[in-house]
N, C-alpha and C. Protein backbone atom coordinates (compact mmCIF):
# COMPACT_ATOMS: atom_id res chain seq x y z
N MET A 1 -38.72 -39.89 6.38
CA MET A 1 -40.13 -39.82 6.77
C MET A 1 -40.36 -38.69 7.74
N ASP A 2 -39.39 -38.56 8.71
CA ASP A 2 -39.56 -37.47 9.66
C ASP A 2 -39.55 -36.13 8.98
N ASP A 3 -38.61 -36.00 7.97
CA ASP A 3 -38.54 -34.72 7.26
C ASP A 3 -39.83 -34.43 6.55
N HIS A 4 -40.43 -35.45 5.94
CA HIS A 4 -41.68 -35.26 5.20
C HIS A 4 -42.80 -34.82 6.14
N ARG A 5 -42.87 -35.51 7.29
CA ARG A 5 -43.90 -35.13 8.25
C ARG A 5 -43.66 -33.73 8.77
N GLY A 6 -42.36 -33.40 8.89
CA GLY A 6 -42.05 -32.04 9.37
C GLY A 6 -42.51 -30.99 8.37
N TRP A 7 -42.31 -31.26 7.11
CA TRP A 7 -42.77 -30.32 6.07
C TRP A 7 -44.28 -30.19 6.06
N ASP A 8 -44.99 -31.34 6.20
CA ASP A 8 -46.44 -31.29 6.26
C ASP A 8 -46.92 -30.50 7.47
N ALA A 9 -46.21 -30.68 8.55
CA ALA A 9 -46.61 -29.95 9.76
C ALA A 9 -46.43 -28.46 9.58
N GLN A 10 -45.28 -28.06 8.98
CA GLN A 10 -45.05 -26.63 8.72
C GLN A 10 -46.09 -26.08 7.76
N ARG A 11 -46.42 -26.89 6.74
CA ARG A 11 -47.39 -26.43 5.73
C ARG A 11 -48.77 -26.23 6.35
N SER A 12 -49.10 -27.15 7.28
CA SER A 12 -50.41 -27.01 7.92
C SER A 12 -50.48 -25.77 8.79
N ARG A 13 -49.30 -25.37 9.33
CA ARG A 13 -49.30 -24.16 10.15
C ARG A 13 -49.17 -22.88 9.35
N TRP A 14 -48.84 -22.95 8.02
CA TRP A 14 -48.63 -21.75 7.19
C TRP A 14 -49.97 -21.06 6.91
N PRO A 15 -50.02 -19.79 7.04
CA PRO A 15 -51.31 -19.06 6.87
C PRO A 15 -51.71 -18.92 5.41
N TRP A 16 -52.10 -20.04 4.77
CA TRP A 16 -52.45 -20.00 3.34
C TRP A 16 -53.66 -19.09 3.05
N PRO A 17 -54.70 -19.09 3.85
CA PRO A 17 -55.81 -18.14 3.58
C PRO A 17 -55.34 -16.70 3.51
N LEU A 18 -54.39 -16.36 4.39
CA LEU A 18 -53.87 -14.99 4.37
C LEU A 18 -53.14 -14.71 3.08
N VAL A 19 -52.37 -15.70 2.57
CA VAL A 19 -51.64 -15.51 1.32
C VAL A 19 -52.60 -15.32 0.16
N ARG A 20 -53.66 -16.17 0.11
CA ARG A 20 -54.64 -16.03 -0.97
C ARG A 20 -55.34 -14.68 -0.92
N LYS A 21 -55.68 -14.25 0.30
CA LYS A 21 -56.33 -12.95 0.45
C LYS A 21 -55.41 -11.83 0.00
N THR A 22 -54.12 -11.94 0.33
CA THR A 22 -53.15 -10.90 -0.08
C THR A 22 -53.02 -10.85 -1.60
N ARG A 23 -52.99 -12.04 -2.24
CA ARG A 23 -52.90 -12.08 -3.70
C ARG A 23 -54.11 -11.42 -4.34
N ARG A 24 -55.31 -11.70 -3.79
CA ARG A 24 -56.51 -11.07 -4.34
C ARG A 24 -56.45 -9.56 -4.22
N ARG A 25 -55.94 -9.09 -3.06
CA ARG A 25 -55.84 -7.63 -2.87
C ARG A 25 -54.89 -7.01 -3.88
N TRP A 26 -53.75 -7.69 -4.12
CA TRP A 26 -52.82 -7.16 -5.12
C TRP A 26 -53.43 -7.17 -6.51
N GLY A 27 -54.21 -8.22 -6.83
CA GLY A 27 -54.86 -8.27 -8.14
C GLY A 27 -55.85 -7.13 -8.32
N VAL A 28 -56.65 -6.87 -7.29
CA VAL A 28 -57.60 -5.74 -7.35
C VAL A 28 -56.86 -4.42 -7.49
N LEU A 29 -55.75 -4.29 -6.74
CA LEU A 29 -54.97 -3.05 -6.84
C LEU A 29 -54.42 -2.83 -8.24
N ALA A 30 -53.92 -3.92 -8.87
CA ALA A 30 -53.38 -3.80 -10.23
C ALA A 30 -54.45 -3.38 -11.22
N VAL A 31 -55.65 -3.97 -11.11
CA VAL A 31 -56.75 -3.58 -11.99
C VAL A 31 -57.12 -2.13 -11.77
N GLY A 32 -57.15 -1.71 -10.51
CA GLY A 32 -57.48 -0.32 -10.21
C GLY A 32 -56.48 0.66 -10.80
N VAL A 33 -55.18 0.31 -10.72
CA VAL A 33 -54.15 1.17 -11.30
C VAL A 33 -54.31 1.27 -12.81
N ALA A 34 -54.59 0.13 -13.46
CA ALA A 34 -54.78 0.14 -14.92
C ALA A 34 -55.97 0.99 -15.33
N LEU A 35 -57.09 0.83 -14.62
CA LEU A 35 -58.28 1.63 -14.94
C LEU A 35 -58.02 3.11 -14.69
N GLY A 36 -57.26 3.41 -13.64
CA GLY A 36 -56.93 4.81 -13.37
C GLY A 36 -56.09 5.43 -14.47
N ALA A 37 -55.13 4.64 -15.00
CA ALA A 37 -54.30 5.14 -16.09
C ALA A 37 -55.13 5.42 -17.33
N VAL A 38 -56.07 4.51 -17.64
CA VAL A 38 -56.94 4.73 -18.79
C VAL A 38 -57.79 5.97 -18.59
N GLY A 39 -58.31 6.15 -17.37
CA GLY A 39 -59.11 7.33 -17.09
C GLY A 39 -58.34 8.62 -17.25
N MET A 40 -57.07 8.63 -16.77
CA MET A 40 -56.24 9.82 -16.92
C MET A 40 -55.96 10.11 -18.38
N MET A 41 -55.73 9.05 -19.19
CA MET A 41 -55.48 9.26 -20.62
C MET A 41 -56.69 9.87 -21.29
N LEU A 42 -57.90 9.32 -21.00
CA LEU A 42 -59.12 9.86 -21.60
C LEU A 42 -59.37 11.29 -21.14
N ALA A 43 -59.07 11.57 -19.88
CA ALA A 43 -59.25 12.94 -19.39
C ALA A 43 -58.32 13.90 -20.10
N GLY A 44 -57.05 13.44 -20.35
CA GLY A 44 -56.13 14.30 -21.08
C GLY A 44 -56.60 14.59 -22.48
N LEU A 45 -57.12 13.54 -23.17
CA LEU A 45 -57.65 13.75 -24.51
C LEU A 45 -58.86 14.67 -24.47
N SER A 46 -59.66 14.56 -23.41
CA SER A 46 -60.84 15.42 -23.30
C SER A 46 -60.43 16.87 -23.17
N LEU A 47 -59.37 17.13 -22.39
CA LEU A 47 -58.90 18.51 -22.24
C LEU A 47 -58.38 19.06 -23.56
N LEU A 48 -57.86 18.17 -24.40
CA LEU A 48 -57.37 18.60 -25.71
C LEU A 48 -58.49 18.76 -26.72
N GLY A 49 -59.69 18.42 -26.35
CA GLY A 49 -60.82 18.57 -27.26
C GLY A 49 -61.10 17.37 -28.11
N TRP A 50 -60.52 16.21 -27.75
CA TRP A 50 -60.75 14.99 -28.51
C TRP A 50 -61.56 14.05 -27.63
N ASN A 51 -62.71 13.63 -28.10
CA ASN A 51 -63.54 12.77 -27.29
C ASN A 51 -63.75 11.38 -27.86
N THR A 52 -63.36 11.14 -29.12
CA THR A 52 -63.45 9.79 -29.66
C THR A 52 -62.28 9.51 -30.56
N LEU A 53 -61.86 8.26 -30.59
CA LEU A 53 -60.81 7.82 -31.50
C LEU A 53 -61.40 6.70 -32.34
N VAL A 54 -61.43 6.89 -33.63
CA VAL A 54 -62.01 5.91 -34.53
C VAL A 54 -60.97 5.55 -35.57
N HIS A 55 -60.72 4.26 -35.76
CA HIS A 55 -59.79 3.81 -36.78
C HIS A 55 -60.60 3.37 -37.99
N GLY A 56 -60.76 4.26 -38.94
CA GLY A 56 -61.56 4.00 -40.12
C GLY A 56 -60.73 3.44 -41.24
N PRO A 57 -61.37 3.22 -42.42
CA PRO A 57 -60.65 2.64 -43.55
C PRO A 57 -59.54 3.53 -44.08
N ALA A 58 -59.67 4.84 -43.85
CA ALA A 58 -58.64 5.75 -44.35
C ALA A 58 -57.54 5.99 -43.32
N GLY A 59 -57.66 5.42 -42.12
CA GLY A 59 -56.66 5.62 -41.10
C GLY A 59 -57.30 6.09 -39.81
N LEU A 60 -56.51 6.68 -38.94
CA LEU A 60 -57.00 7.12 -37.65
C LEU A 60 -57.71 8.44 -37.78
N VAL A 61 -58.92 8.53 -37.22
CA VAL A 61 -59.72 9.74 -37.26
C VAL A 61 -59.94 10.20 -35.84
N LEU A 62 -59.57 11.42 -35.53
CA LEU A 62 -59.80 11.98 -34.21
C LEU A 62 -60.95 12.96 -34.30
N SER A 63 -62.06 12.65 -33.62
CA SER A 63 -63.24 13.50 -33.69
C SER A 63 -63.26 14.41 -32.46
N GLY A 64 -63.14 15.68 -32.66
CA GLY A 64 -63.19 16.63 -31.57
C GLY A 64 -64.58 17.16 -31.37
N TRP A 65 -64.77 17.91 -30.30
CA TRP A 65 -66.08 18.48 -30.02
C TRP A 65 -66.43 19.59 -31.00
N GLU A 66 -65.42 20.27 -31.51
CA GLU A 66 -65.69 21.42 -32.37
C GLU A 66 -65.23 21.19 -33.79
N THR A 67 -63.98 20.79 -33.98
CA THR A 67 -63.42 20.65 -35.31
C THR A 67 -62.90 19.22 -35.53
N PRO A 68 -63.62 18.38 -36.29
CA PRO A 68 -63.15 17.02 -36.52
C PRO A 68 -61.94 17.00 -37.44
N LEU A 69 -61.05 16.06 -37.21
CA LEU A 69 -59.89 15.86 -38.06
C LEU A 69 -60.13 14.61 -38.89
N HIS A 70 -60.10 14.75 -40.21
CA HIS A 70 -60.38 13.63 -41.10
C HIS A 70 -59.09 13.16 -41.76
N ALA A 71 -58.92 11.87 -41.80
CA ALA A 71 -57.78 11.31 -42.50
C ALA A 71 -58.01 11.36 -44.00
N THR A 72 -56.95 11.62 -44.76
CA THR A 72 -57.05 11.61 -46.21
C THR A 72 -56.16 10.50 -46.75
N ALA A 73 -56.45 10.11 -47.99
CA ALA A 73 -55.69 9.03 -48.61
C ALA A 73 -55.29 9.45 -50.01
N THR A 74 -54.17 8.93 -50.48
CA THR A 74 -53.71 9.22 -51.83
C THR A 74 -52.93 8.02 -52.37
N ASP A 75 -52.98 7.83 -53.68
CA ASP A 75 -52.25 6.74 -54.32
C ASP A 75 -52.08 7.10 -55.79
N SER A 76 -51.20 6.40 -56.48
CA SER A 76 -50.97 6.71 -57.89
C SER A 76 -50.42 5.50 -58.61
N SER A 77 -50.55 5.55 -59.94
CA SER A 77 -49.97 4.55 -60.82
C SER A 77 -49.18 5.29 -61.90
N ASP A 78 -48.85 4.61 -63.00
CA ASP A 78 -48.11 5.26 -64.07
C ASP A 78 -48.95 6.28 -64.83
N THR A 79 -50.27 6.12 -64.82
CA THR A 79 -51.12 6.98 -65.63
C THR A 79 -52.20 7.73 -64.85
N MET A 80 -52.37 7.41 -63.57
CA MET A 80 -53.42 8.07 -62.79
C MET A 80 -52.99 8.25 -61.35
N ALA A 81 -53.59 9.26 -60.72
CA ALA A 81 -53.40 9.48 -59.29
C ALA A 81 -54.76 9.75 -58.68
N VAL A 82 -54.97 9.29 -57.46
CA VAL A 82 -56.24 9.49 -56.77
C VAL A 82 -55.96 10.00 -55.36
N ALA A 83 -56.93 10.71 -54.82
CA ALA A 83 -56.82 11.21 -53.45
C ALA A 83 -58.22 11.51 -52.93
N THR A 84 -58.36 11.56 -51.63
CA THR A 84 -59.62 11.94 -51.01
C THR A 84 -59.39 13.15 -50.11
N GLY A 85 -60.44 13.93 -49.93
CA GLY A 85 -60.36 15.10 -49.07
C GLY A 85 -61.75 15.58 -48.70
N PRO A 86 -61.93 16.12 -47.50
CA PRO A 86 -63.26 16.57 -47.08
C PRO A 86 -63.78 17.72 -47.93
N VAL A 87 -65.05 17.62 -48.30
CA VAL A 87 -65.71 18.71 -49.02
C VAL A 87 -66.59 19.51 -48.06
N ASP A 88 -67.25 18.79 -47.16
CA ASP A 88 -68.07 19.40 -46.13
C ASP A 88 -67.74 18.70 -44.81
N GLU A 89 -68.47 19.04 -43.76
CA GLU A 89 -68.18 18.47 -42.46
C GLU A 89 -68.35 16.96 -42.42
N ASP A 90 -69.27 16.43 -43.23
CA ASP A 90 -69.59 15.01 -43.14
C ASP A 90 -69.58 14.30 -44.49
N VAL A 91 -68.86 14.83 -45.46
CA VAL A 91 -68.73 14.16 -46.75
C VAL A 91 -67.40 14.56 -47.38
N GLU A 92 -66.79 13.63 -48.12
CA GLU A 92 -65.51 13.91 -48.75
C GLU A 92 -65.62 13.77 -50.26
N GLY A 93 -64.64 14.34 -50.95
CA GLY A 93 -64.57 14.24 -52.39
C GLY A 93 -63.52 13.24 -52.82
N PHE A 94 -63.74 12.64 -53.98
CA PHE A 94 -62.80 11.69 -54.56
C PHE A 94 -62.15 12.35 -55.77
N TYR A 95 -60.86 12.68 -55.65
CA TYR A 95 -60.13 13.38 -56.70
C TYR A 95 -59.38 12.37 -57.57
N VAL A 96 -59.52 12.52 -58.89
CA VAL A 96 -58.86 11.64 -59.85
C VAL A 96 -58.13 12.50 -60.88
N LEU A 97 -56.86 12.22 -61.12
CA LEU A 97 -56.07 12.93 -62.11
C LEU A 97 -55.58 11.94 -63.16
N ASP A 98 -55.93 12.21 -64.42
CA ASP A 98 -55.51 11.39 -65.55
C ASP A 98 -54.27 12.01 -66.16
N PHE A 99 -53.14 11.30 -66.12
CA PHE A 99 -51.89 11.84 -66.65
C PHE A 99 -51.94 12.01 -68.16
N VAL A 100 -52.69 11.17 -68.84
CA VAL A 100 -52.72 11.19 -70.30
C VAL A 100 -53.44 12.43 -70.82
N THR A 101 -54.61 12.71 -70.27
CA THR A 101 -55.41 13.85 -70.73
C THR A 101 -55.19 15.11 -69.91
N GLY A 102 -54.67 14.96 -68.70
CA GLY A 102 -54.51 16.10 -67.82
C GLY A 102 -55.79 16.48 -67.10
N ASP A 103 -56.84 15.68 -67.25
CA ASP A 103 -58.12 16.00 -66.61
C ASP A 103 -58.06 15.67 -65.12
N LEU A 104 -58.44 16.65 -64.32
CA LEU A 104 -58.57 16.49 -62.88
C LEU A 104 -60.04 16.65 -62.53
N GLN A 105 -60.60 15.69 -61.81
CA GLN A 105 -62.00 15.80 -61.43
C GLN A 105 -62.20 15.40 -59.98
N CYS A 106 -63.23 15.98 -59.40
CA CYS A 106 -63.63 15.68 -58.04
C CYS A 106 -65.08 15.22 -58.07
N THR A 107 -65.34 14.01 -57.61
CA THR A 107 -66.70 13.50 -57.52
C THR A 107 -67.08 13.33 -56.06
N VAL A 108 -68.36 13.59 -55.76
CA VAL A 108 -68.83 13.57 -54.37
C VAL A 108 -70.09 12.72 -54.29
N LEU A 109 -70.14 11.80 -53.34
CA LEU A 109 -71.32 10.98 -53.11
C LEU A 109 -72.39 11.77 -52.37
N SER A 110 -73.65 11.53 -52.74
CA SER A 110 -74.77 12.13 -52.02
C SER A 110 -75.05 11.34 -50.76
N GLN A 111 -75.22 12.03 -49.65
CA GLN A 111 -75.55 11.36 -48.40
C GLN A 111 -76.98 10.84 -48.39
N ARG A 112 -77.82 11.41 -49.24
CA ARG A 112 -79.22 11.00 -49.27
C ARG A 112 -79.46 9.80 -50.19
N THR A 113 -78.77 9.78 -51.33
CA THR A 113 -79.03 8.73 -52.32
C THR A 113 -77.93 7.68 -52.38
N GLY A 114 -76.74 7.97 -51.89
CA GLY A 114 -75.63 7.04 -52.02
C GLY A 114 -75.06 6.96 -53.41
N LYS A 115 -75.44 7.90 -54.27
CA LYS A 115 -74.94 7.96 -55.65
C LYS A 115 -74.09 9.22 -55.81
N PHE A 116 -73.26 9.22 -56.86
CA PHE A 116 -72.46 10.41 -57.13
C PHE A 116 -73.38 11.55 -57.55
N ALA A 117 -73.30 12.65 -56.81
CA ALA A 117 -74.16 13.79 -57.09
C ALA A 117 -73.37 15.08 -57.28
N GLY A 118 -72.06 15.01 -57.20
CA GLY A 118 -71.23 16.19 -57.43
C GLY A 118 -70.10 15.87 -58.38
N LEU A 119 -69.87 16.73 -59.36
CA LEU A 119 -68.79 16.53 -60.33
C LEU A 119 -68.18 17.88 -60.69
N PHE A 120 -66.87 17.99 -60.47
CA PHE A 120 -66.16 19.24 -60.73
C PHE A 120 -64.87 18.90 -61.49
N LYS A 121 -64.56 19.70 -62.53
CA LYS A 121 -63.47 19.34 -63.43
C LYS A 121 -62.52 20.51 -63.69
N ALA A 122 -61.29 20.15 -64.06
CA ALA A 122 -60.27 21.10 -64.52
C ALA A 122 -59.28 20.33 -65.39
N ASN A 123 -58.41 21.05 -66.07
CA ASN A 123 -57.37 20.42 -66.88
C ASN A 123 -56.02 21.01 -66.47
N VAL A 124 -55.18 20.19 -65.86
CA VAL A 124 -53.92 20.68 -65.32
C VAL A 124 -52.88 20.93 -66.41
N LEU A 125 -52.97 20.23 -67.55
CA LEU A 125 -52.03 20.49 -68.63
C LEU A 125 -52.19 21.91 -69.14
N ARG A 126 -53.43 22.32 -69.30
CA ARG A 126 -53.70 23.67 -69.76
C ARG A 126 -53.36 24.70 -68.68
N ASP A 127 -53.78 24.44 -67.46
CA ASP A 127 -53.58 25.41 -66.38
C ASP A 127 -52.11 25.63 -66.05
N LEU A 128 -51.32 24.56 -66.07
CA LEU A 128 -49.91 24.66 -65.70
C LEU A 128 -48.99 24.82 -66.91
N ASN A 129 -49.60 24.93 -68.11
CA ASN A 129 -48.83 25.13 -69.35
C ASN A 129 -47.78 24.03 -69.53
N ILE A 130 -48.27 22.79 -69.52
CA ILE A 130 -47.40 21.62 -69.66
C ILE A 130 -47.72 20.93 -70.98
N GLU A 131 -46.68 20.60 -71.73
CA GLU A 131 -46.87 19.91 -73.00
C GLU A 131 -47.09 18.42 -72.78
N GLN A 132 -48.14 17.91 -73.39
CA GLN A 132 -48.44 16.49 -73.27
C GLN A 132 -47.32 15.63 -73.85
N SER A 133 -46.63 16.14 -74.88
CA SER A 133 -45.57 15.37 -75.52
C SER A 133 -44.38 15.13 -74.57
N LYS A 134 -44.29 15.91 -73.50
CA LYS A 134 -43.19 15.76 -72.54
C LYS A 134 -43.44 14.63 -71.54
N LYS A 135 -44.60 13.97 -71.67
CA LYS A 135 -44.97 12.88 -70.77
C LYS A 135 -44.87 13.31 -69.31
N PRO A 136 -45.73 14.17 -68.89
CA PRO A 136 -45.67 14.65 -67.50
C PRO A 136 -45.94 13.53 -66.50
N ARG A 137 -45.35 13.65 -65.34
CA ARG A 137 -45.59 12.73 -64.24
C ARG A 137 -46.08 13.55 -63.06
N PHE A 138 -47.26 13.23 -62.58
CA PHE A 138 -47.92 14.06 -61.58
C PHE A 138 -47.96 13.39 -60.21
N LEU A 139 -48.01 14.23 -59.21
CA LEU A 139 -48.33 13.83 -57.85
C LEU A 139 -49.58 14.60 -57.44
N LEU A 140 -50.45 13.95 -56.67
CA LEU A 140 -51.72 14.56 -56.25
C LEU A 140 -51.91 14.31 -54.76
N VAL A 141 -52.11 15.40 -54.01
CA VAL A 141 -52.41 15.29 -52.58
C VAL A 141 -53.51 16.30 -52.26
N THR A 142 -54.14 16.13 -51.11
CA THR A 142 -55.14 17.09 -50.66
C THR A 142 -54.75 17.65 -49.31
N GLY A 143 -55.26 18.83 -49.04
CA GLY A 143 -55.04 19.48 -47.75
C GLY A 143 -56.29 20.21 -47.31
N MET A 144 -56.35 20.55 -46.04
CA MET A 144 -57.52 21.22 -45.50
C MET A 144 -57.28 22.72 -45.39
N VAL A 145 -58.34 23.48 -45.58
CA VAL A 145 -58.26 24.94 -45.47
C VAL A 145 -59.63 25.47 -45.08
N GLY A 146 -59.65 26.51 -44.26
CA GLY A 146 -60.90 27.12 -43.82
C GLY A 146 -61.06 28.51 -44.40
N PHE A 147 -61.57 28.59 -45.63
CA PHE A 147 -61.79 29.88 -46.26
C PHE A 147 -62.96 30.61 -45.62
N ALA A 148 -62.94 31.93 -45.68
CA ALA A 148 -64.06 32.73 -45.21
C ALA A 148 -65.26 32.53 -46.14
N ARG A 149 -66.44 32.43 -45.58
CA ARG A 149 -67.65 32.22 -46.36
C ARG A 149 -68.13 33.53 -46.98
N GLY A 150 -68.59 33.43 -48.23
CA GLY A 150 -69.14 34.60 -48.90
C GLY A 150 -70.62 34.72 -48.65
N PRO A 151 -71.26 35.73 -49.25
CA PRO A 151 -72.70 35.94 -49.03
C PRO A 151 -73.59 34.98 -49.80
N GLY A 152 -73.07 34.30 -50.82
CA GLY A 152 -73.89 33.43 -51.65
C GLY A 152 -74.19 32.08 -51.01
N ALA A 153 -74.95 31.25 -51.76
CA ALA A 153 -75.32 29.93 -51.26
C ALA A 153 -74.16 28.95 -51.29
N SER A 154 -73.24 29.13 -52.24
CA SER A 154 -72.10 28.22 -52.33
C SER A 154 -70.97 28.72 -51.44
N ARG A 155 -70.14 27.78 -51.04
CA ARG A 155 -69.00 28.13 -50.22
C ARG A 155 -67.83 27.22 -50.57
N PRO A 156 -66.59 27.64 -50.30
CA PRO A 156 -65.43 26.80 -50.65
C PRO A 156 -65.46 25.49 -49.87
N ALA A 157 -65.08 24.42 -50.54
CA ALA A 157 -64.99 23.12 -49.88
C ALA A 157 -63.89 23.15 -48.82
N ALA A 158 -63.94 22.17 -47.95
CA ALA A 158 -63.00 22.13 -46.83
C ALA A 158 -61.62 21.61 -47.22
N SER A 159 -61.45 21.16 -48.45
CA SER A 159 -60.15 20.64 -48.87
C SER A 159 -59.70 21.28 -50.17
N ILE A 160 -58.39 21.26 -50.37
CA ILE A 160 -57.75 21.76 -51.58
C ILE A 160 -56.97 20.61 -52.21
N ALA A 161 -57.03 20.52 -53.53
CA ALA A 161 -56.24 19.52 -54.26
C ALA A 161 -54.97 20.19 -54.79
N TYR A 162 -53.83 19.61 -54.47
CA TYR A 162 -52.54 20.11 -54.93
C TYR A 162 -51.98 19.14 -55.96
N VAL A 163 -51.60 19.68 -57.12
CA VAL A 163 -51.07 18.87 -58.21
C VAL A 163 -49.69 19.41 -58.59
N ILE A 164 -48.72 18.52 -58.76
CA ILE A 164 -47.39 18.95 -59.20
C ILE A 164 -46.90 18.01 -60.29
N ASP A 165 -46.29 18.60 -61.31
CA ASP A 165 -45.63 17.83 -62.36
C ASP A 165 -44.18 17.67 -61.94
N THR A 166 -43.75 16.42 -61.71
CA THR A 166 -42.40 16.19 -61.21
C THR A 166 -41.33 16.45 -62.26
N ASN A 167 -41.70 16.53 -63.52
CA ASN A 167 -40.72 16.84 -64.56
C ASN A 167 -40.36 18.32 -64.58
N THR A 168 -41.37 19.18 -64.52
CA THR A 168 -41.12 20.62 -64.61
C THR A 168 -41.09 21.31 -63.25
N GLY A 169 -41.68 20.67 -62.24
CA GLY A 169 -41.76 21.31 -60.93
C GLY A 169 -42.91 22.28 -60.80
N ARG A 170 -43.73 22.42 -61.82
CA ARG A 170 -44.88 23.33 -61.73
C ARG A 170 -46.01 22.68 -60.94
N PHE A 171 -46.64 23.49 -60.11
CA PHE A 171 -47.74 22.94 -59.31
C PHE A 171 -48.87 23.95 -59.21
N GLY A 172 -50.05 23.44 -58.89
CA GLY A 172 -51.23 24.29 -58.75
C GLY A 172 -52.13 23.80 -57.63
N ALA A 173 -52.96 24.71 -57.13
CA ALA A 173 -53.91 24.40 -56.07
C ALA A 173 -55.32 24.60 -56.61
N TYR A 174 -56.19 23.62 -56.38
CA TYR A 174 -57.55 23.64 -56.91
C TYR A 174 -58.57 23.54 -55.79
N GLY A 175 -59.67 24.28 -55.96
CA GLY A 175 -60.73 24.27 -54.97
C GLY A 175 -62.10 24.05 -55.60
N VAL A 176 -63.06 23.66 -54.75
CA VAL A 176 -64.42 23.38 -55.19
C VAL A 176 -65.38 24.34 -54.49
N GLN A 177 -66.33 24.87 -55.24
CA GLN A 177 -67.42 25.65 -54.65
C GLN A 177 -68.58 24.69 -54.38
N TRP A 178 -68.92 24.53 -53.12
CA TRP A 178 -69.88 23.51 -52.70
C TRP A 178 -71.16 24.15 -52.18
N ARG A 179 -72.31 23.61 -52.62
CA ARG A 179 -73.61 24.09 -52.15
C ARG A 179 -74.20 23.09 -51.17
N ARG A 180 -74.17 23.47 -49.91
CA ARG A 180 -74.66 22.56 -48.88
C ARG A 180 -76.17 22.37 -48.95
N ASP A 181 -76.89 23.42 -49.40
CA ASP A 181 -78.35 23.31 -49.49
C ASP A 181 -78.75 22.29 -50.55
N ALA A 182 -78.00 22.27 -51.67
CA ALA A 182 -78.29 21.29 -52.72
C ALA A 182 -77.96 19.88 -52.25
N ALA A 183 -76.85 19.74 -51.52
CA ALA A 183 -76.46 18.42 -51.02
C ALA A 183 -77.49 17.90 -50.02
N ALA A 184 -78.11 18.79 -49.24
CA ALA A 184 -79.06 18.36 -48.21
C ALA A 184 -80.29 17.70 -48.80
N ILE A 185 -80.67 18.09 -50.03
CA ILE A 185 -81.86 17.51 -50.66
C ILE A 185 -81.50 16.52 -51.76
N GLY A 186 -80.20 16.21 -51.89
CA GLY A 186 -79.76 15.23 -52.89
C GLY A 186 -79.77 15.74 -54.31
N ARG A 187 -79.72 17.05 -54.49
CA ARG A 187 -79.74 17.59 -55.84
C ARG A 187 -78.33 17.57 -56.43
N PRO A 188 -78.17 17.06 -57.66
CA PRO A 188 -76.83 17.02 -58.28
C PRO A 188 -76.27 18.44 -58.47
N GLN A 189 -74.99 18.54 -58.37
CA GLN A 189 -74.32 19.82 -58.64
C GLN A 189 -73.02 19.56 -59.37
N ALA A 190 -72.69 20.46 -60.25
CA ALA A 190 -71.49 20.32 -61.08
C ALA A 190 -70.87 21.70 -61.29
N GLY A 191 -69.61 21.71 -61.63
CA GLY A 191 -68.94 22.98 -61.85
C GLY A 191 -67.49 22.77 -62.19
N THR A 192 -66.72 23.82 -62.01
CA THR A 192 -65.30 23.81 -62.33
C THR A 192 -64.47 23.68 -61.07
N LEU A 193 -63.43 22.88 -61.16
CA LEU A 193 -62.42 22.89 -60.11
C LEU A 193 -61.59 24.15 -60.33
N SER A 194 -61.78 25.11 -59.46
CA SER A 194 -61.16 26.42 -59.67
C SER A 194 -59.67 26.38 -59.36
N LEU A 195 -58.87 26.89 -60.30
CA LEU A 195 -57.44 27.03 -60.08
C LEU A 195 -57.21 28.23 -59.16
N LEU A 196 -56.76 28.00 -57.96
CA LEU A 196 -56.57 29.07 -56.98
C LEU A 196 -55.24 29.79 -57.17
N ASP A 197 -54.19 29.03 -57.42
CA ASP A 197 -52.87 29.64 -57.62
C ASP A 197 -51.93 28.60 -58.19
N ILE A 198 -50.82 29.07 -58.74
CA ILE A 198 -49.80 28.19 -59.30
C ILE A 198 -48.44 28.59 -58.75
N GLY A 199 -47.49 27.68 -58.85
CA GLY A 199 -46.14 27.96 -58.40
C GLY A 199 -45.15 27.02 -59.08
N ALA A 200 -43.89 27.13 -58.68
CA ALA A 200 -42.84 26.29 -59.27
C ALA A 200 -41.89 25.86 -58.18
N ALA A 201 -41.65 24.55 -58.12
CA ALA A 201 -40.73 23.99 -57.13
C ALA A 201 -39.31 23.85 -57.67
N ARG A 202 -39.14 24.04 -58.99
CA ARG A 202 -37.82 23.88 -59.60
C ARG A 202 -37.53 25.13 -60.43
N SER A 203 -36.44 25.80 -60.13
CA SER A 203 -36.09 27.04 -60.84
C SER A 203 -35.21 26.80 -62.05
N ILE A 204 -34.57 25.62 -62.12
CA ILE A 204 -33.67 25.32 -63.24
C ILE A 204 -34.41 24.39 -64.20
N PRO A 205 -34.59 24.79 -65.46
CA PRO A 205 -35.29 23.93 -66.41
C PRO A 205 -34.49 22.67 -66.72
N ILE A 206 -35.21 21.58 -66.95
CA ILE A 206 -34.59 20.30 -67.28
C ILE A 206 -34.52 20.19 -68.80
N ARG A 207 -33.32 19.98 -69.36
CA ARG A 207 -33.15 19.87 -70.81
C ARG A 207 -33.35 18.42 -71.25
N ASP A 208 -33.93 18.26 -72.41
CA ASP A 208 -34.14 16.92 -72.96
C ASP A 208 -32.83 16.36 -73.50
């Protein structure tokens, strides 16, 4: 009993208000340190020219003050491959490659109507001199490029479609001529996916 009363007496003399006040101060300090770290991170991103981070359906998108970085997506099956890539600053193209026919097309949604208003086509079997009987297997990806603008109303799109036949190693790069004035009023536009250049990733032919 004496020990119990002694403990109660010591407890009554212990500066509990001071302990609670000290804990609150440490809690405020911890929150301040965390907020400071977040502020330093945002300041660092600001110095790099990135002011927003958005996780969209295609992945992480970093929007800078001058040049936005857009995520692209690609996928394939046994008979088709698809990919996306920016056509203009605020719209992207949907690239589809049919392995059976060799048809490559890029379709673009209109920002005004929400309907497909751009269609551009090419044939990779013909362009890359690939025999359909060889059952080609293709890979399709897109990349960004900033071509110099010409004097006309059309200008090169912001992305390039790269196609490679994994059997022969032949590949080609395709581009779109895009009219921003037509897109602004929702006017449909169509044309050819221009073959920019071709190359070969395999120097030794594969024998059947």
